[in-house]
Amino acid sequence: MRILFDARRSVHRVTGIGRIIDGLIKALAAADGGHEYLVVYGEKNPLEGATPSSRFEGRRIHLSLNSLRTNELMPQLARGFRADVAYFPFWLTPLRMPCPMVVAIHDLIHVHYPEELGWPRRLFYRGYLPLVLRAATRVHTLAAHGARDLAQECGVAASRIDVVSPGVDDAAERQDEPHDGRFEPGVPSPFCLYVGNHKPHKNLANLLRAYARISSRMESHLVIVGARSSSADPLSIPQAGLSRDLGLNERVHFLGQIDDGRLWALLHAARFLVLPSRYEGFGLPALEAMARGTPVACSNTTSLPEVVGDAARMFDPEDVVAIAEAMLALDRSSELRRDLAARGRIRATRFSWTRSAAAWLASLERACAP
């Protein structure tokens, strides 16, 4: 197959889509196969650091991630490359291609939480997504929950949906020596860790309220890693005001967006990871924590149960008391942490980029079948 791969959202940072693109491309480049790829990128070249191969051609284009000019440029690139199939890891795709098109819909957050978008973008999403789903030959989701969600909310036939779960980066699988967490100013030890953005469905407000109930009984501080609402304004962390109002300024530490090296170190050093989301398309931080041997406490909703299995302490994300109890149990019990860490390492072996790449290729082959 000759495959056009839109990798413009590869950004080498903690965002889920960027991590998935990078992991897939590295696995595809390392795999033995006769497929040829045109990897289209923007800000970052995801082929850097991948296994060199003449089968991969990288091409940088200057096109906004949210530009409708994708309807003009991507078909041109596909024709010039003589692509057999095109892959888009985001819902803003061309509506017509000269070859079969495979689209990844990582979640339906904007269907379930439309208030997270302003009115113009909300109306555009509501109108454009159904057109994309009709134009796609096949649709990818990250978990079985996502497949059910697409069928129920968008009417996509189950026969057109493939579950392609992400893997875990090799760096996360290394069993490094324990780290005391004192590798940068402002990070205390011990600490528990949250990784993700600050949008309402991530449920940070309930996490902070839960932590406020038990902070005086917790050894662990709470470290929050993830994108701020505006990188230009250091005071724009959405939940900083709530943290202050709850009297947590000395116990909660907002680090903003960080690079992979610091993220791996934090995941490894954390006493446990807490993920209180109301909705996750997959829950990559939970997988990466488990691979590191870091215990996980997470919500019992959407895709998270199928990711963590029996390797996490789960709770109802709407129940502040339940969140607090889970955090306190993990903070106090070294035996519970050891048990969940051991289970997590085993669970994480179910998810590899090699398996992910194989499932991805099988889906593209189905898209090309007569």
Protein backbone atom coordinates (compact mmCIF):
# COMPACT_ATOMS: atom_id res chain seq x y z
CA MET A 1 0.00 0.00 0.00
CA ARG A 2 0.96 3.60 -0.57
CA ILE A 3 -0.26 5.46 2.50
CA LEU A 4 -0.70 9.18 3.08
CA PHE A 5 -0.36 9.81 6.83
CA ASP A 6 -1.43 13.24 8.12
CA ALA A 7 0.94 13.73 11.07
CA ARG A 8 0.54 17.48 11.54
CA ARG A 9 -0.64 17.00 15.12
CA SER A 10 2.61 15.29 16.06
CA VAL A 11 3.93 17.76 18.60
CA HIS A 12 6.26 15.71 20.86
CA ARG A 13 4.45 16.69 24.03
CA VAL A 14 2.01 15.24 26.54
CA THR A 15 -1.12 15.63 24.38
CA GLY A 16 -2.73 12.31 23.55
CA ILE A 17 -3.02 12.71 19.77
CA GLY A 18 0.60 13.78 19.42
CA ARG A 19 1.83 10.86 21.50
CA ILE A 20 -0.26 8.39 19.50
CA ILE A 21 1.00 9.69 16.15
CA ASP A 22 4.62 9.51 17.29
CA GLY A 23 4.24 6.01 18.72
CA LEU A 24 2.51 4.67 15.62
CA ILE A 25 5.04 6.10 13.20
CA LYS A 26 8.00 4.73 15.14
CA ALA A 27 6.41 1.28 15.23
CA LEU A 28 5.52 1.39 11.53
CA ALA A 29 9.04 2.49 10.62
CA ALA A 30 10.54 -0.34 12.64
CA ALA A 31 8.20 -2.97 11.20
CA ASP A 32 9.22 -5.16 8.29
CA GLY A 33 6.81 -4.41 5.47
CA GLY A 34 6.62 -3.24 1.90
CA HIS A 35 4.27 -0.31 2.42
CA GLU A 36 5.30 3.19 1.39
CA TYR A 37 4.36 6.30 3.32
CA LEU A 38 4.03 10.00 2.69
CA VAL A 39 4.13 11.52 6.17
CA VAL A 40 2.77 15.06 6.09
CA TYR A 41 3.84 17.19 9.04
CA GLY A 42 3.83 20.78 10.21
CA GLU A 43 5.58 22.07 13.32
CA LYS A 44 7.48 18.87 14.14
CA ASN A 45 8.81 16.02 12.01
CA PRO A 46 7.69 12.75 13.62
CA LEU A 47 10.22 10.80 11.54
CA GLU A 48 13.06 12.26 13.63
CA GLY A 49 14.31 9.51 15.89
CA ALA A 50 12.39 6.77 14.04
CA THR A 51 14.15 3.87 12.35
CA PRO A 52 15.48 5.27 9.03
CA SER A 53 13.71 3.83 6.02
CA SER A 54 13.48 4.71 2.35
CA ARG A 55 9.82 3.69 2.53
CA PHE A 56 9.03 6.89 4.43
CA GLU A 57 8.95 10.28 2.79
CA GLY A 58 8.39 13.28 5.05
CA ARG A 59 6.90 16.45 3.68
CA ARG A 60 6.44 19.64 5.66
CA ILE A 61 3.47 21.80 4.76
CA HIS A 62 2.36 25.15 6.09
CA LEU A 63 -1.30 24.62 6.89
CA SER A 64 -3.14 25.52 10.05
CA LEU A 65 -4.36 22.50 11.97
CA ASN A 66 -7.93 23.78 11.75
CA SER A 67 -7.86 25.10 8.19
CA LEU A 68 -10.53 24.02 5.73
CA ARG A 69 -7.84 24.22 3.04
CA THR A 70 -7.20 20.61 3.99
CA ASN A 71 -10.07 19.91 1.55
CA GLU A 72 -7.90 21.31 -1.24
CA LEU A 73 -4.37 20.34 -0.27
CA MET A 74 -4.73 16.77 1.00
CA PRO A 75 -6.41 15.45 -2.17
CA GLN A 76 -3.63 17.08 -4.21
CA LEU A 77 -0.97 15.38 -2.09
CA ALA A 78 -2.74 12.02 -2.35
CA ARG A 79 -2.94 12.27 -6.14
CA GLY A 80 0.70 13.32 -6.45
CA PHE A 81 1.81 10.42 -4.23
CA ARG A 82 -0.60 7.99 -5.93
CA ALA A 83 -1.87 7.03 -2.49
CA ASP A 84 -3.93 3.86 -2.08
CA VAL A 85 -5.33 5.08 1.23
CA ALA A 86 -5.14 8.18 3.44
CA TYR A 87 -5.12 8.28 7.24
CA PHE A 88 -6.23 11.23 9.38
CA PRO A 89 -5.88 11.04 13.18
CA PHE A 90 -8.34 13.88 13.82
CA TRP A 91 -11.92 14.67 12.85
CA LEU A 92 -11.14 17.79 10.75
CA THR A 93 -10.40 15.94 7.51
CA PRO A 94 -11.10 16.48 3.81
CA LEU A 95 -14.63 15.55 2.81
CA ARG A 96 -13.54 14.04 -0.48
CA MET A 97 -10.37 12.14 -1.33
CA PRO A 98 -9.20 10.37 -4.51
CA CYS A 99 -8.57 7.23 -2.41
CA PRO A 100 -10.20 5.49 0.58
CA MET A 101 -9.95 7.52 3.79
CA VAL A 102 -9.49 6.23 7.34
CA VAL A 103 -10.26 8.63 10.18
CA ALA A 104 -9.47 8.27 13.89
CA ILE A 105 -12.11 9.67 16.25
CA HIS A 106 -10.35 9.48 19.59
CA ASP A 107 -13.35 10.61 21.60
CA LEU A 108 -16.74 12.30 21.43
CA ILE A 109 -16.05 14.80 24.18
CA HIS A 110 -17.56 17.65 22.15
CA VAL A 111 -20.75 15.63 21.68
CA HIS A 112 -21.11 14.93 25.39
CA TYR A 113 -19.62 18.24 26.61
CA PRO A 114 -20.47 20.80 23.89
CA GLU A 115 -20.08 23.63 26.40
CA GLU A 116 -16.31 23.19 26.17
CA LEU A 117 -16.44 24.79 22.71
CA GLY A 118 -17.46 28.34 21.89
CA TRP A 119 -20.63 28.73 19.83
CA PRO A 120 -18.96 29.11 16.40
CA ARG A 121 -16.77 26.02 16.85
CA ARG A 122 -19.65 24.09 18.41
CA LEU A 123 -21.88 24.72 15.40
CA PHE A 124 -19.05 23.86 13.00
CA TYR A 125 -18.25 20.61 14.81
CA ARG A 126 -21.90 19.62 14.93
CA GLY A 127 -22.25 20.13 11.19
CA TYR A 128 -18.86 18.87 9.99
CA LEU A 129 -18.39 15.67 12.00
CA PRO A 130 -21.33 13.79 10.40
CA LEU A 131 -19.97 14.67 6.94
CA VAL A 132 -16.54 13.28 7.89
CA LEU A 133 -18.05 10.07 9.24
CA ARG A 134 -19.99 9.57 6.01
CA ALA A 135 -16.89 10.26 3.88
CA ALA A 136 -14.61 7.87 5.81
CA THR A 137 -14.21 4.32 4.55
CA ARG A 138 -13.27 3.15 8.05
CA VAL A 139 -13.25 4.82 11.46
CA HIS A 140 -10.77 4.15 14.26
CA THR A 141 -11.40 4.42 17.99
CA LEU A 142 -9.00 3.82 20.84
CA ALA A 143 -11.21 1.55 22.94
CA ALA A 144 -14.35 -0.56 22.72
CA HIS A 145 -16.21 2.14 24.63
CA GLY A 146 -15.41 4.58 21.83
CA ALA A 147 -16.78 2.16 19.24
CA ARG A 148 -20.04 1.86 21.15
CA ASP A 149 -20.19 5.62 21.57
CA LEU A 150 -19.74 6.21 17.83
CA ALA A 151 -22.47 3.70 17.01
CA GLN A 152 -24.94 5.09 19.55
CA GLU A 153 -24.30 8.83 19.21
CA CYS A 154 -23.37 9.12 15.52
CA GLY A 155 -24.99 6.11 13.91
CA VAL A 156 -21.73 4.67 12.53
CA ALA A 157 -22.16 1.02 11.59
CA ALA A 158 -20.13 -1.29 13.81
CA SER A 159 -18.80 -3.01 10.67
CA ARG A 160 -16.96 0.22 9.71
CA ILE A 161 -15.28 0.74 13.11
CA ASP A 162 -11.89 -0.65 14.15
CA VAL A 163 -10.48 -0.42 17.67
CA VAL A 164 -6.80 0.53 17.47
CA SER A 165 -5.53 0.99 21.02
CA PRO A 166 -2.28 2.88 21.61
CA GLY A 167 0.82 1.31 23.06
CA VAL A 168 3.25 2.54 25.65
CA ASP A 169 6.56 4.19 24.86
CA ASP A 170 9.69 2.09 25.38
CA ALA A 171 10.98 4.74 27.77
CA ALA A 172 8.08 3.95 30.09
CA GLU A 173 8.97 0.27 30.20
CA ARG A 174 12.48 0.78 31.58
CA GLN A 175 12.73 -0.18 35.21
CA ASP A 176 14.79 2.73 36.47
CA GLU A 177 16.03 3.18 39.99
CA PRO A 178 13.53 4.94 42.29
CA HIS A 179 13.70 8.71 42.21
CA ASP A 180 12.99 10.88 45.26
CA GLY A 181 11.23 13.55 43.18
CA ARG A 182 13.71 16.31 44.02
CA PHE A 183 14.89 16.82 40.45
CA GLU A 184 13.45 20.32 40.03
CA PRO A 185 12.48 23.21 42.29
CA GLY A 186 8.94 23.21 43.60
CA VAL A 187 8.32 19.46 43.40
CA PRO A 188 7.98 17.98 46.88
CA SER A 189 8.35 14.38 47.96
CA PRO A 190 6.23 12.37 48.36
CA PHE A 191 3.60 13.47 45.86
CA CYS A 192 0.68 12.12 43.87
CA LEU A 193 0.31 13.17 40.25
CA TYR A 194 -2.38 14.29 37.82
CA VAL A 195 -1.56 14.45 34.08
CA GLY A 196 -3.93 16.08 31.59
CA ASN A 197 -5.52 19.32 30.51
CA HIS A 198 -7.81 21.51 32.60
CA LYS A 199 -11.06 21.19 30.63
CA PRO A 200 -14.25 20.60 32.64
CA HIS A 201 -14.63 16.93 31.66
CA LYS A 202 -11.24 16.26 33.27
CA ASN A 203 -12.95 16.96 36.60
CA LEU A 204 -10.10 18.80 38.29
CA ALA A 205 -12.51 20.76 40.48
CA ASN A 206 -13.72 17.55 42.13
CA LEU A 207 -10.13 16.35 42.48
CA LEU A 208 -9.19 19.53 44.33
CA ARG A 209 -12.30 19.35 46.53
CA ALA A 210 -11.49 15.73 47.37
CA TYR A 211 -7.89 16.55 48.18
CA ALA A 212 -8.98 19.47 50.38
CA ARG A 213 -10.99 17.03 52.55
CA ILE A 214 -7.92 14.90 53.31
CA SER A 215 -4.83 17.04 52.70
CA SER A 216 -4.13 17.33 56.44
CA ARG A 217 -4.03 13.51 56.64
CA MET A 218 -2.05 12.99 53.44
CA GLU A 219 1.71 12.70 53.30
CA SER A 220 1.61 13.30 49.58
CA HIS A 221 1.39 16.72 47.97
CA LEU A 222 -0.62 16.95 44.73
CA VAL A 223 1.29 17.79 41.55
CA ILE A 224 -0.77 18.78 38.49
CA VAL A 225 0.81 18.55 35.04
CA GLY A 226 -0.91 19.71 31.88
CA ALA A 227 -1.72 22.54 29.52
CA ARG A 228 -2.82 25.86 30.88
CA SER A 229 -5.64 27.78 29.26
CA SER A 230 -3.14 30.27 27.82
CA SER A 231 0.59 29.71 27.50
CA ALA A 232 1.09 33.48 27.34
CA ASP A 233 -0.46 34.07 30.76
CA PRO A 234 1.21 32.27 33.69
CA LEU A 235 -1.77 33.11 35.89
CA SER A 236 -4.30 31.51 33.55
CA ILE A 237 -4.32 28.03 35.13
CA PRO A 238 -8.08 27.50 35.31
CA GLN A 239 -8.22 25.79 38.70
CA ALA A 240 -5.58 27.88 40.49
CA GLY A 241 -8.28 30.10 41.97
CA LEU A 242 -10.19 27.13 43.38
CA SER A 243 -6.99 25.70 44.84
CA ARG A 244 -6.34 29.01 46.57
CA ASP A 245 -9.93 29.27 47.84
CA LEU A 246 -9.65 25.77 49.32
CA GLY A 247 -6.47 26.75 51.16
CA LEU A 248 -4.29 24.36 49.16
CA ASN A 249 -1.60 26.72 47.87
CA GLU A 250 1.11 25.03 49.94
CA ARG A 251 -0.02 21.53 49.00
CA VAL A 252 -0.97 21.71 45.30
CA HIS A 253 1.67 22.44 42.65
CA PHE A 254 0.71 23.38 39.06
CA LEU A 255 3.60 22.69 36.68
CA GLY A 256 1.86 23.46 33.39
CA GLN A 257 2.98 21.72 30.21
CA ILE A 258 6.28 19.84 30.46
CA ASP A 259 8.49 17.82 28.13
CA ASP A 260 8.62 14.03 27.96
CA GLY A 261 11.78 13.69 30.02
CA ARG A 262 10.25 15.50 32.99
CA LEU A 263 6.97 13.64 32.54
CA TRP A 264 8.64 10.21 32.70
CA ALA A 265 10.60 11.26 35.76
CA LEU A 266 7.47 12.53 37.49
CA LEU A 267 5.50 9.39 36.61
CA HIS A 268 8.28 7.24 38.02
CA ALA A 269 8.71 9.30 41.18
CA ALA A 270 5.01 9.75 42.00
CA ARG A 271 3.55 7.76 44.87
CA PHE A 272 0.51 7.24 42.63
CA LEU A 273 -1.33 8.74 39.64
CA VAL A 274 -4.88 10.03 40.05
CA LEU A 275 -7.13 10.40 37.00
CA PRO A 276 -10.61 11.68 37.94
CA SER A 277 -11.98 12.25 34.40
CA ARG A 278 -15.66 12.07 33.62
CA TYR A 279 -14.81 11.02 30.06
CA GLU A 280 -11.71 9.54 28.43
CA GLY A 281 -11.30 8.26 24.89
CA PHE A 282 -8.59 6.00 26.28
CA GLY A 283 -6.65 7.28 29.29
CA LEU A 284 -3.02 7.21 28.14
CA PRO A 285 -1.58 8.60 31.42
CA ALA A 286 -3.00 5.58 33.25
CA LEU A 287 -1.30 3.17 30.85
CA GLU A 288 2.00 5.04 31.01
CA ALA A 289 1.87 5.06 34.81
CA MET A 290 1.16 1.33 34.97
CA ALA A 291 4.08 0.62 32.65
CA ARG A 292 6.29 2.60 35.03
CA GLY A 293 5.08 0.60 38.02
CA THR A 294 3.23 3.61 39.43
CA PRO A 295 -0.09 2.76 41.13
CA VAL A 296 -3.23 4.28 39.61
CA ALA A 297 -6.44 5.65 41.09
CA CYS A 298 -8.97 6.52 38.39
CA SER A 299 -12.62 6.97 37.46
CA ASN A 300 -14.82 3.98 36.76
CA THR A 301 -16.29 5.57 33.63
CA THR A 302 -16.07 5.39 29.82
CA SER A 303 -12.87 3.69 28.56
CA LEU A 304 -10.86 3.67 31.79
CA PRO A 305 -12.09 0.32 33.19
CA GLU A 306 -11.06 -1.51 30.00
CA VAL A 307 -7.62 0.13 30.11
CA VAL A 308 -6.77 -0.52 33.77
CA GLY A 309 -8.69 -3.76 34.36
CA ASP A 310 -8.10 -4.89 37.95
CA ALA A 311 -4.87 -2.87 38.22
CA ALA A 312 -6.30 0.37 39.67
CA ARG A 313 -8.34 1.69 42.57
CA MET A 314 -11.46 3.05 40.85
CA PHE A 315 -14.08 5.55 42.00
CA ASP A 316 -17.17 7.44 40.84
CA PRO A 317 -15.85 10.77 39.49
CA GLU A 318 -18.95 12.60 40.74
CA ASP A 319 -18.42 11.36 44.31
CA VAL A 320 -15.91 13.66 46.02
CA VAL A 321 -15.83 11.43 49.11
CA ALA A 322 -15.01 8.35 46.99
CA ILE A 323 -12.16 10.20 45.26
CA ALA A 324 -10.80 11.29 48.64
CA GLU A 325 -11.03 7.76 50.06
CA ALA A 326 -9.16 6.28 47.09
CA MET A 327 -6.37 8.87 47.37
CA LEU A 328 -6.04 8.41 51.11
CA ALA A 329 -5.94 4.61 50.80
CA LEU A 330 -3.12 4.76 48.26
CA ASP A 331 -1.23 7.36 50.22
CA ARG A 332 -1.34 5.39 53.48
CA SER A 333 -0.95 1.78 52.33
CA SER A 334 2.40 0.74 50.91
CA GLU A 335 1.00 -2.79 50.56
CA LEU A 336 -1.84 -1.52 48.33
CA ARG A 337 0.62 0.48 46.27
CA ARG A 338 2.89 -2.55 45.78
CA ASP A 339 -0.07 -4.72 44.77
CA LEU A 340 -1.41 -2.20 42.23
CA ALA A 341 2.09 -1.52 40.89
CA ALA A 342 2.63 -5.24 40.21
CA ARG A 343 -0.80 -5.61 38.62
CA GLY A 344 -0.23 -2.47 36.56
CA ARG A 345 3.03 -3.70 35.07
CA ILE A 346 1.32 -6.91 33.98
CA ARG A 347 -1.68 -5.03 32.61
CA ALA A 348 0.50 -2.63 30.61
CA THR A 349 2.07 -5.53 28.68
CA ARG A 350 -1.27 -5.94 26.87
CA PHE A 351 -0.68 -2.65 25.09
CA SER A 352 2.28 -2.33 22.73
CA TRP A 353 3.01 -0.13 19.74
CA THR A 354 3.83 -3.28 17.74
CA ARG A 355 0.29 -4.59 18.29
CA SER A 356 -1.13 -1.14 17.66
CA ALA A 357 0.69 -0.82 14.34
CA ALA A 358 -0.47 -4.29 13.27
CA ALA A 359 -4.11 -3.44 14.03
CA TRP A 360 -3.72 -0.10 12.25
CA LEU A 361 -2.32 -1.71 9.10
CA ALA A 362 -5.01 -4.40 9.09
CA SER A 363 -7.66 -1.70 9.18
CA LEU A 364 -6.08 0.20 6.27
CA GLU A 365 -5.92 -3.00 4.28
CA ARG A 366 -9.64 -3.49 4.90
CA ALA A 367 -10.24 0.06 3.69
CA CYS A 368 -8.43 -0.75 0.43
CA ALA A 369 -10.24 -4.06 -0.13
CA PRO A 370 -12.67 -4.11 -3.07
